[in-house]
């Protein structure tokens, strides 16, 4: 009797597991069937193309081939994706299911629809040439429409070069992180670009901030430690402090504002959240609160443990340009409802007056510090950053901002890993990218 009872329980458990497995399989088949079909062992989609906004073919599914132009093929590899799917955010990998007409009963029926990206391949080529083999990010988008016109991540590689692929897979230092789209999936110490957040927090929480005055002697002490500047700046008001990127002045502001308030304003700026770019989630930034004055000072300068994603930084620039709101970046052009791309808006929790004041200060940076000449007649508003990364490594170079223009509503971000001074190194890349975008 006990044996019969045991067998009955076993059969019931086995039947329950079988039913659960079949229901789970049905669920995933309905949800992911198109993706499975598009990635079947016999090959990927048999027809269709990935093209840029101008119709330039970046990848042809039928021939499993990339652009014949070397610079186009290489500079857009992180947007398109590699053949093995190692670039997890590549269009080949992410949007393949949309390139097929999948039927739950009969399976896949190939289509010839094009996947049109918002990118202008010409700008990616410009960014690659300007980066000149250095690792990092160069990106630009239209903050009115959301179209990402340039998304460059380095190092790059040629998907048709077997020797390069072998070098990547063998761990060659020159190709470290070659499969990573740094624009979407990386975070960096922001350096002085974070002073934009500290500025906004100070403007909204310190009643007398417009009367702020600080004498920079090259360093300011907190106990046994100091926040240092590259040079002595002398007397600084708020506008001067941002233009000269005075660490001492901003450490003082950070201590007045407080670490928890800085975290709140970084959160409001969207720097601690993930941005959804046509369904692709970016890496989240981070900010660590502290009650230690020296750490609090360095955090307000953009050092300590601050981390920011380049796409989130670029989106913030668009929001400042738009008085607090901007279109959310997108990578795919909608085509008859196939891709489900809906216009989205990003917003920051700063007052419009704060955005206007920050905009004026960033414009002053360009006119009186970085040099308007490199941008021609474009009304560029920008902030540089030179982010120390420790050890004997050169700092990361940042340059981010926007064009305050109805004709050219572009926001941009450039990060050069271990690139040195932000305004000179990353700034020159941004200048070349803007020049090409505004031709």
Protein backbone atom coordinates (compact mmCIF):
# COMPACT_ATOMS: atom_id res chain seq x y z
CA UNK A 1 0.00 0.00 0.00
CA UNK A 2 2.83 2.38 0.89
CA UNK A 3 4.58 1.50 -2.38
CA UNK A 4 1.41 2.27 -4.38
CA UNK A 5 1.00 5.60 -2.59
CA UNK A 6 4.62 6.48 -3.31
CA UNK A 7 4.20 5.63 -7.01
CA UNK A 8 1.01 7.70 -7.21
CA UNK A 9 2.75 10.74 -5.71
CA UNK A 10 5.71 10.24 -8.07
CA UNK A 11 3.44 10.07 -11.15
CA UNK A 12 1.54 13.17 -10.04
CA UNK A 13 4.78 15.11 -9.48
CA UNK A 14 6.18 13.97 -12.82
CA UNK A 15 2.93 14.91 -14.61
CA UNK A 16 2.92 18.32 -12.90
CA UNK A 17 6.52 18.97 -13.94
CA UNK A 18 5.73 17.90 -17.50
CA UNK A 19 2.74 20.23 -17.72
CA UNK A 20 4.75 23.08 -16.20
CA UNK A 21 7.56 22.47 -18.68
CA UNK A 22 5.19 22.45 -21.64
CA UNK A 23 3.52 25.69 -20.47
CA UNK A 24 6.92 27.32 -19.95
CA UNK A 25 8.04 26.23 -23.42
CA UNK A 26 4.84 27.62 -24.93
CA UNK A 27 5.33 30.91 -23.11
CA UNK A 28 8.91 31.33 -24.29
CA UNK A 29 7.99 30.18 -27.81
CA UNK A 30 5.36 32.90 -28.08
CA UNK A 31 7.67 35.51 -26.55
CA UNK A 32 10.97 34.58 -28.21
CA UNK A 33 10.01 32.47 -31.21
CA UNK A 34 10.93 35.15 -33.74
CA UNK A 35 14.34 35.57 -32.13
CA UNK A 36 14.98 31.80 -32.08
CA UNK A 37 13.99 31.50 -35.70
CA UNK A 38 16.18 34.39 -36.74
CA UNK A 39 19.13 32.78 -34.95
CA UNK A 40 18.57 29.20 -36.09
CA UNK A 41 21.70 27.02 -36.50
CA UNK A 42 21.49 27.00 -40.29
CA UNK A 43 22.22 30.73 -40.36
CA UNK A 44 20.61 34.05 -39.64
CA UNK A 45 17.95 35.92 -41.62
CA UNK A 46 18.20 35.12 -45.30
CA UNK A 47 17.35 38.58 -46.63
CA UNK A 48 17.13 42.21 -45.60
CA UNK A 49 19.60 44.93 -44.71
CA UNK A 50 20.70 47.23 -41.94
CA UNK A 51 21.17 50.74 -43.32
CA UNK A 52 21.99 54.16 -41.93
CA UNK A 53 19.62 57.16 -42.13
CA UNK A 54 20.81 57.93 -45.67
CA UNK A 55 20.32 54.39 -46.96
CA UNK A 56 24.00 53.41 -46.81
CA UNK A 57 24.11 49.63 -46.40
CA UNK A 58 25.88 48.67 -43.17
CA UNK A 59 25.01 44.98 -43.21
CA UNK A 60 23.34 42.65 -45.71
CA UNK A 61 21.63 39.59 -44.20
CA UNK A 62 21.50 37.72 -47.50
CA UNK A 63 25.24 37.77 -48.08
CA UNK A 64 26.10 37.98 -44.38
CA UNK A 65 28.31 40.85 -45.44
CA UNK A 66 29.21 44.29 -44.08
CA UNK A 67 29.78 47.51 -45.98
CA UNK A 68 32.42 47.29 -48.70
CA UNK A 69 33.87 50.58 -47.46
CA UNK A 70 36.48 49.83 -44.80
CA UNK A 71 35.99 53.00 -42.72
CA UNK A 72 32.20 52.62 -42.71
CA UNK A 73 32.43 48.94 -41.82
CA UNK A 74 34.84 49.47 -38.93
CA UNK A 75 33.44 52.70 -37.48
CA UNK A 76 29.90 51.30 -37.22
CA UNK A 77 30.77 47.82 -35.95
CA UNK A 78 29.45 48.47 -32.43
CA UNK A 79 26.15 49.76 -33.79
CA UNK A 80 25.71 46.89 -36.25
CA UNK A 81 27.22 44.06 -34.22
CA UNK A 82 29.57 41.20 -35.08
CA UNK A 83 28.74 37.84 -36.62
CA UNK A 84 29.09 35.87 -33.39
CA UNK A 85 26.88 38.16 -31.31
CA UNK A 86 29.72 39.05 -28.95
CA UNK A 87 28.65 42.70 -29.18
CA UNK A 88 25.51 42.25 -27.10
CA UNK A 89 24.02 45.63 -28.06
CA UNK A 90 24.57 45.29 -31.83
CA UNK A 91 21.56 45.72 -34.14
CA UNK A 92 22.17 42.29 -35.72
CA UNK A 93 21.76 40.71 -32.30
CA UNK A 94 19.04 42.85 -30.78
CA UNK A 95 16.71 43.55 -33.68
CA UNK A 96 17.08 40.33 -35.70
CA UNK A 97 13.65 39.11 -34.65
CA UNK A 98 12.11 42.23 -36.18
CA UNK A 99 13.70 41.42 -39.54
CA UNK A 100 11.52 38.36 -40.03
CA UNK A 101 7.80 37.73 -40.47
CA UNK A 102 7.39 35.09 -37.78
CA UNK A 103 4.28 32.91 -37.68
CA UNK A 104 3.62 30.89 -34.52
CA UNK A 105 2.24 27.98 -36.57
CA UNK A 106 4.37 27.85 -39.69
CA UNK A 107 7.54 29.46 -38.36
CA UNK A 108 9.66 32.08 -40.08
CA UNK A 109 9.01 33.70 -43.43
CA UNK A 110 11.91 35.91 -44.50
CA UNK A 111 11.20 39.52 -45.41
CA UNK A 112 13.26 42.11 -47.25
CA UNK A 113 12.50 44.99 -44.91
CA UNK A 114 15.36 47.26 -44.03
CA UNK A 115 16.31 48.08 -40.50
CA UNK A 116 17.07 51.80 -40.73
CA UNK A 117 19.26 53.23 -38.00
CA UNK A 118 19.25 56.91 -37.05
CA UNK A 119 23.03 56.98 -37.49
CA UNK A 120 24.83 58.93 -40.20
CA UNK A 121 27.71 56.58 -41.07
CA UNK A 122 29.68 59.57 -42.35
CA UNK A 123 29.78 61.02 -38.82
CA UNK A 124 30.96 57.73 -37.34
CA UNK A 125 33.84 57.78 -39.83
CA UNK A 126 34.65 61.35 -38.78
CA UNK A 127 34.61 60.36 -35.11
CA UNK A 128 36.89 57.38 -35.75
CA UNK A 129 39.40 59.53 -37.64
CA UNK A 130 39.35 62.18 -34.88
CA UNK A 131 39.82 59.58 -32.11
CA UNK A 132 42.85 58.30 -34.03
CA UNK A 133 42.95 54.82 -32.52
CA UNK A 134 42.33 55.93 -28.93
CA UNK A 135 39.84 54.08 -26.75
CA UNK A 136 36.66 55.83 -25.70
CA UNK A 137 33.42 57.34 -26.97
CA UNK A 138 32.29 60.02 -29.40
CA UNK A 139 28.55 60.55 -29.83
CA UNK A 140 26.10 63.19 -30.99
CA UNK A 141 22.31 63.34 -31.10
CA UNK A 142 19.47 65.67 -32.01
CA UNK A 143 17.89 66.66 -28.70
CA UNK A 144 14.65 67.68 -30.45
CA UNK A 145 14.02 64.42 -32.35
CA UNK A 146 16.08 61.96 -30.32
CA UNK A 147 17.98 60.69 -33.37
CA UNK A 148 21.47 59.48 -32.44
CA UNK A 149 23.49 60.64 -35.44
CA UNK A 150 26.87 59.40 -34.26
CA UNK A 151 27.66 56.54 -31.87
CA UNK A 152 31.32 55.65 -31.98
CA UNK A 153 33.06 53.33 -29.53
CA UNK A 154 36.72 52.42 -29.64
CA UNK A 155 38.72 50.30 -30.01
CA UNK A 156 37.21 49.13 -33.26
CA UNK A 157 37.95 46.09 -35.35
CA UNK A 158 37.26 44.80 -38.82
CA UNK A 159 34.73 41.92 -38.75
CA UNK A 160 36.23 40.68 -42.03
CA UNK A 161 39.79 40.52 -40.69
CA UNK A 162 40.44 37.07 -39.23
CA UNK A 163 43.78 38.13 -37.75
CA UNK A 164 42.13 40.93 -35.76
CA UNK A 165 39.39 38.60 -34.52
CA UNK A 166 42.03 36.13 -33.35
CA UNK A 167 43.89 38.93 -31.57
CA UNK A 168 40.72 40.00 -29.76
CA UNK A 169 39.88 36.48 -28.68
CA UNK A 170 43.44 35.87 -27.50
CA UNK A 171 43.27 38.91 -25.20
CA UNK A 172 45.58 41.30 -27.05
CA UNK A 173 45.89 44.52 -25.02
CA UNK A 174 45.24 46.78 -28.00
CA UNK A 175 41.78 45.24 -28.33
CA UNK A 176 40.80 45.12 -24.66
CA UNK A 177 37.04 45.65 -24.46
CA UNK A 178 36.66 45.58 -28.25
CA UNK A 179 33.25 43.91 -27.98
CA UNK A 180 31.97 46.52 -25.53
CA UNK A 181 29.88 49.44 -26.77
CA UNK A 182 31.31 52.01 -24.40
CA UNK A 183 28.64 54.59 -25.21
CA UNK A 184 25.87 52.33 -23.91
CA UNK A 185 27.55 49.92 -21.53
CA UNK A 186 30.43 51.73 -19.80
CA UNK A 187 30.72 54.15 -16.90
CA UNK A 188 33.60 56.52 -16.27
CA UNK A 189 34.79 58.85 -13.54
CA UNK A 190 33.25 62.11 -14.83
CA UNK A 191 35.84 64.56 -13.53
CA UNK A 192 34.88 68.20 -13.87
CA UNK A 193 31.85 67.51 -16.07
CA UNK A 194 30.13 66.63 -12.77
CA UNK A 195 30.55 70.26 -11.69
CA UNK A 196 27.43 70.92 -13.78
CA UNK A 197 25.47 68.89 -11.20
CA UNK A 198 27.16 70.67 -8.30
CA UNK A 199 26.35 74.01 -9.95
CA UNK A 200 22.66 73.14 -10.27
CA UNK A 201 22.49 71.95 -6.67
CA UNK A 202 24.16 75.15 -5.47
CA UNK A 203 21.88 77.39 -7.55
CA UNK A 204 18.75 75.79 -6.12
CA UNK A 205 19.77 75.24 -2.49
CA UNK A 206 22.18 78.05 -1.56
CA UNK A 207 20.34 81.41 -1.39
CA UNK A 208 23.50 83.50 -1.67
CA UNK A 209 25.28 81.45 -4.33
CA UNK A 210 25.32 84.26 -6.91
CA UNK A 211 27.43 86.20 -4.41
CA UNK A 212 29.79 83.25 -4.01
CA UNK A 213 33.45 84.25 -3.78
CA UNK A 214 36.41 81.96 -3.26
CA UNK A 215 40.14 82.64 -3.29
CA UNK A 216 41.96 79.73 -4.90
CA UNK A 217 45.56 79.33 -3.75
CA UNK A 218 46.02 76.03 -5.57
CA UNK A 219 44.65 73.83 -2.77
CA UNK A 220 42.17 73.78 0.07
CA UNK A 221 42.76 71.68 3.18
CA UNK A 222 40.32 69.43 5.02
CA UNK A 223 42.12 68.06 8.04
CA UNK A 224 45.26 66.25 6.90
CA UNK A 225 44.16 66.14 3.26
CA UNK A 226 43.71 68.66 0.47
CA UNK A 227 41.70 69.20 -2.69
CA UNK A 228 44.14 70.51 -5.24
CA UNK A 229 43.93 72.56 -8.45
CA UNK A 230 46.34 72.40 -11.37
CA UNK A 231 47.22 76.04 -10.67
CA UNK A 232 46.34 79.00 -8.48
CA UNK A 233 43.17 80.67 -9.80
CA UNK A 234 42.90 83.61 -7.43
CA UNK A 235 39.50 85.08 -6.60
CA UNK A 236 36.62 83.19 -8.22
CA UNK A 237 32.91 83.86 -8.49
CA UNK A 238 30.53 81.09 -9.57
CA UNK A 239 30.91 81.72 -13.31
CA UNK A 240 34.69 81.98 -13.08
CA UNK A 241 34.91 78.83 -10.97
CA UNK A 242 33.13 76.76 -13.63
CA UNK A 243 35.08 78.30 -16.51
CA UNK A 244 38.41 77.70 -14.76
CA UNK A 245 37.17 74.36 -13.40
CA UNK A 246 38.45 75.34 -9.97
CA UNK A 247 38.50 72.24 -7.77
CA UNK A 248 38.91 74.25 -4.60
CA UNK A 249 35.84 76.39 -5.25
CA UNK A 250 33.72 73.38 -6.12
CA UNK A 251 34.91 71.41 -3.11
CA UNK A 252 33.74 74.36 -1.00
CA UNK A 253 30.37 74.39 -2.79
CA UNK A 254 30.03 70.62 -2.35
CA UNK A 255 30.58 70.91 1.38
CA UNK A 256 28.03 73.69 1.65
CA UNK A 257 25.45 71.77 -0.37
CA UNK A 258 26.10 68.40 1.27
CA UNK A 259 26.69 64.94 -0.12
CA UNK A 260 23.09 63.75 0.13
CA UNK A 261 21.85 66.78 -1.81
CA UNK A 262 24.46 66.18 -4.51
CA UNK A 263 23.22 62.61 -4.83
CA UNK A 264 19.65 63.90 -5.21
CA UNK A 265 20.67 66.27 -7.98
CA UNK A 266 22.70 63.57 -9.75
CA UNK A 267 19.57 61.41 -9.59
CA UNK A 268 17.43 64.25 -10.95
CA UNK A 269 19.93 64.70 -13.77
CA UNK A 270 19.39 61.09 -14.84
CA UNK A 271 23.04 60.20 -14.23
CA UNK A 272 22.28 57.38 -11.79
CA UNK A 273 19.59 55.68 -13.88
CA UNK A 274 19.65 53.61 -17.04
CA UNK A 275 18.59 55.28 -20.29
CA UNK A 276 16.50 53.18 -22.70
CA UNK A 277 17.81 53.77 -26.22
CA UNK A 278 15.35 52.04 -28.57
CA UNK A 279 14.99 49.35 -25.91
CA UNK A 280 18.72 49.07 -25.21
CA UNK A 281 19.46 49.80 -21.57
CA UNK A 282 22.55 51.81 -20.74
CA UNK A 283 24.76 51.21 -17.72
CA UNK A 284 23.74 53.01 -14.54
CA UNK A 285 25.95 55.61 -12.95
CA UNK A 286 26.72 55.81 -9.25
CA UNK A 287 27.31 58.34 -6.48
CA UNK A 288 28.40 57.49 -2.94
CA UNK A 289 27.31 59.78 -0.12
CA UNK A 290 29.81 60.57 2.61
CA UNK A 291 30.10 62.72 5.71
CA UNK A 292 33.88 63.06 5.39
CA UNK A 293 34.62 66.64 4.22
CA UNK A 294 37.57 65.74 1.96
CA UNK A 295 35.58 62.97 0.23
CA UNK A 296 32.55 65.23 -0.01
CA UNK A 297 34.70 67.87 -1.66
CA UNK A 298 36.17 65.48 -4.20
CA UNK A 299 32.73 64.03 -5.01
CA UNK A 300 31.46 67.51 -5.91
CA UNK A 301 34.46 67.89 -8.21
CA UNK A 302 33.53 64.66 -10.03
CA UNK A 303 36.11 62.38 -8.45
CA UNK A 304 35.87 60.19 -5.31
CA UNK A 305 33.56 57.29 -6.35
CA UNK A 306 31.47 59.15 -8.97
CA UNK A 307 30.69 57.18 -12.16
CA UNK A 308 28.69 58.34 -15.19
CA UNK A 309 27.57 56.68 -18.41
CA UNK A 310 28.36 58.69 -21.59
CA UNK A 311 24.84 58.33 -23.04
CA UNK A 312 23.29 59.58 -19.79
CA UNK A 313 25.69 62.55 -19.84
CA UNK A 314 24.72 63.37 -23.43
CA UNK A 315 21.02 63.14 -22.55
CA UNK A 316 21.56 65.54 -19.63
CA UNK A 317 23.14 68.01 -22.06
CA UNK A 318 20.07 67.79 -24.28
CA UNK A 319 17.80 68.43 -21.30
CA UNK A 320 19.76 71.51 -20.23
CA UNK A 321 19.54 72.81 -23.79
CA UNK A 322 15.78 72.19 -23.75
CA UNK A 323 15.16 73.95 -20.45
CA UNK A 324 14.69 70.72 -18.53
CA UNK A 325 13.39 68.30 -21.15
CA UNK A 326 14.65 66.69 -24.34
CA UNK A 327 13.88 63.82 -26.65
CA UNK A 328 15.21 60.50 -25.40
CA UNK A 329 18.02 59.16 -27.62
CA UNK A 330 16.95 56.51 -30.14
CA UNK A 331 18.85 54.35 -32.62
CA UNK A 332 16.10 53.02 -34.88
CA UNK A 333 13.91 54.85 -37.38
CA UNK A 334 10.30 53.63 -37.19
CA UNK A 335 9.13 51.79 -40.30
CA UNK A 336 5.41 51.16 -40.48
CA UNK A 337 5.07 50.08 -36.87
CA UNK A 338 7.50 47.19 -37.27
CA UNK A 339 9.97 48.23 -34.61
CA UNK A 340 7.62 49.80 -32.08
CA UNK A 341 9.72 52.92 -31.74
CA UNK A 342 7.71 55.51 -29.84
CA UNK A 343 8.83 59.10 -29.31
CA UNK A 344 9.92 59.46 -25.71
CA UNK A 345 10.91 62.44 -23.61
CA UNK A 346 13.59 62.67 -20.96
CA UNK A 347 13.24 65.19 -18.16
CA UNK A 348 15.45 66.37 -15.34
CA UNK A 349 14.20 67.69 -12.02
CA UNK A 350 15.89 71.06 -12.29
CA UNK A 351 14.04 74.35 -12.64
CA UNK A 352 14.01 75.95 -16.09
CA UNK A 353 15.73 79.01 -14.61
CA UNK A 354 18.51 76.74 -13.33
CA UNK A 355 18.95 75.21 -16.78
CA UNK A 356 19.11 78.69 -18.30
CA UNK A 357 21.76 79.84 -15.82
CA UNK A 358 23.83 76.69 -16.37
CA UNK A 359 23.49 77.18 -20.13
CA UNK A 360 24.82 80.75 -19.83
CA UNK A 361 27.78 79.54 -17.78
CA UNK A 362 28.59 76.75 -20.23
CA UNK A 363 28.43 79.24 -23.09
CA UNK A 364 30.87 81.45 -21.19
CA UNK A 365 33.20 78.47 -20.88
CA UNK A 366 33.49 78.26 -24.67
CA UNK A 367 33.70 81.98 -25.40
CA UNK A 368 36.17 82.92 -22.68
CA UNK A 369 38.05 79.72 -21.93
CA UNK A 370 37.97 76.91 -24.50
CA UNK A 371 37.97 79.18 -27.55
CA UNK A 372 35.07 79.87 -29.91
CA UNK A 373 37.34 79.69 -32.96
CA UNK A 374 37.40 75.90 -33.07
CA UNK A 375 33.59 75.84 -33.38
CA UNK A 376 33.22 78.52 -36.04
CA UNK A 377 29.99 80.44 -35.56
CA UNK A 378 28.17 77.63 -33.72
CA UNK A 379 26.81 78.76 -30.31
CA UNK A 380 28.34 75.85 -28.43
CA UNK A 381 27.85 75.46 -24.68
CA UNK A 382 30.25 72.98 -23.10
CA UNK A 383 32.12 71.63 -20.10
CA UNK A 384 35.42 69.78 -20.15
CA UNK A 385 36.59 67.18 -17.69
CA UNK A 386 39.98 65.73 -16.81
CA UNK A 387 39.18 62.71 -14.66
CA UNK A 388 41.96 61.25 -12.54
CA UNK A 389 41.88 57.45 -12.53
CA UNK A 390 44.69 56.68 -10.11
CA UNK A 391 48.15 55.22 -10.39
CA UNK A 392 50.46 56.40 -13.12
CA UNK A 393 47.74 56.37 -15.77
CA UNK A 394 46.88 59.55 -17.65
CA UNK A 395 43.43 60.97 -16.80
CA UNK A 396 40.35 60.38 -18.91
CA UNK A 397 39.55 63.34 -21.13
CA UNK A 398 35.91 64.50 -21.31
CA UNK A 399 34.17 67.14 -23.39
CA UNK A 400 30.39 67.42 -23.38
CA UNK A 401 27.77 70.00 -24.24
CA UNK A 402 25.33 71.13 -26.91
CA UNK A 403 24.70 73.63 -29.67
CA UNK A 404 22.12 76.20 -28.55
CA UNK A 405 20.50 76.42 -31.98
CA UNK A 406 17.18 75.72 -33.66
CA UNK A 407 19.02 74.85 -36.87
CA UNK A 408 21.50 72.49 -35.25
CA UNK A 409 19.95 71.15 -32.01
CA UNK A 410 22.79 68.76 -31.23
CA UNK A 411 24.11 67.49 -27.90
CA UNK A 412 27.38 65.61 -27.76
CA UNK A 413 29.79 63.71 -25.53
CA UNK A 414 33.41 62.69 -26.05
CA UNK A 415 35.44 60.54 -23.68
CA UNK A 416 39.04 59.55 -24.41
CA UNK A 417 40.36 56.93 -22.02
CA UNK A 418 43.66 58.08 -20.50
CA UNK A 419 43.56 60.90 -23.03
CA UNK A 420 44.87 63.77 -20.91
CA UNK A 421 43.31 67.24 -20.79
CA UNK A 422 39.61 67.30 -21.62
CA UNK A 423 39.36 70.70 -23.29
CA UNK A 424 42.26 70.15 -25.69
CA UNK A 425 42.10 66.42 -26.44
CA UNK A 426 38.39 65.58 -26.24
CA UNK A 427 37.40 69.14 -27.23
CA UNK A 428 39.16 68.84 -30.58
CA UNK A 429 37.29 65.60 -31.34
CA UNK A 430 33.98 67.28 -30.51
CA UNK A 431 34.86 70.25 -32.74
CA UNK A 432 35.52 67.99 -35.74
CA UNK A 433 32.34 66.04 -35.13
CA UNK A 434 30.22 69.20 -34.90
CA UNK A 435 31.81 70.63 -38.02
CA UNK A 436 30.89 67.50 -40.00
CA UNK A 437 27.37 67.35 -38.53
CA UNK A 438 26.63 70.98 -39.38
CA UNK A 439 27.91 70.98 -42.96
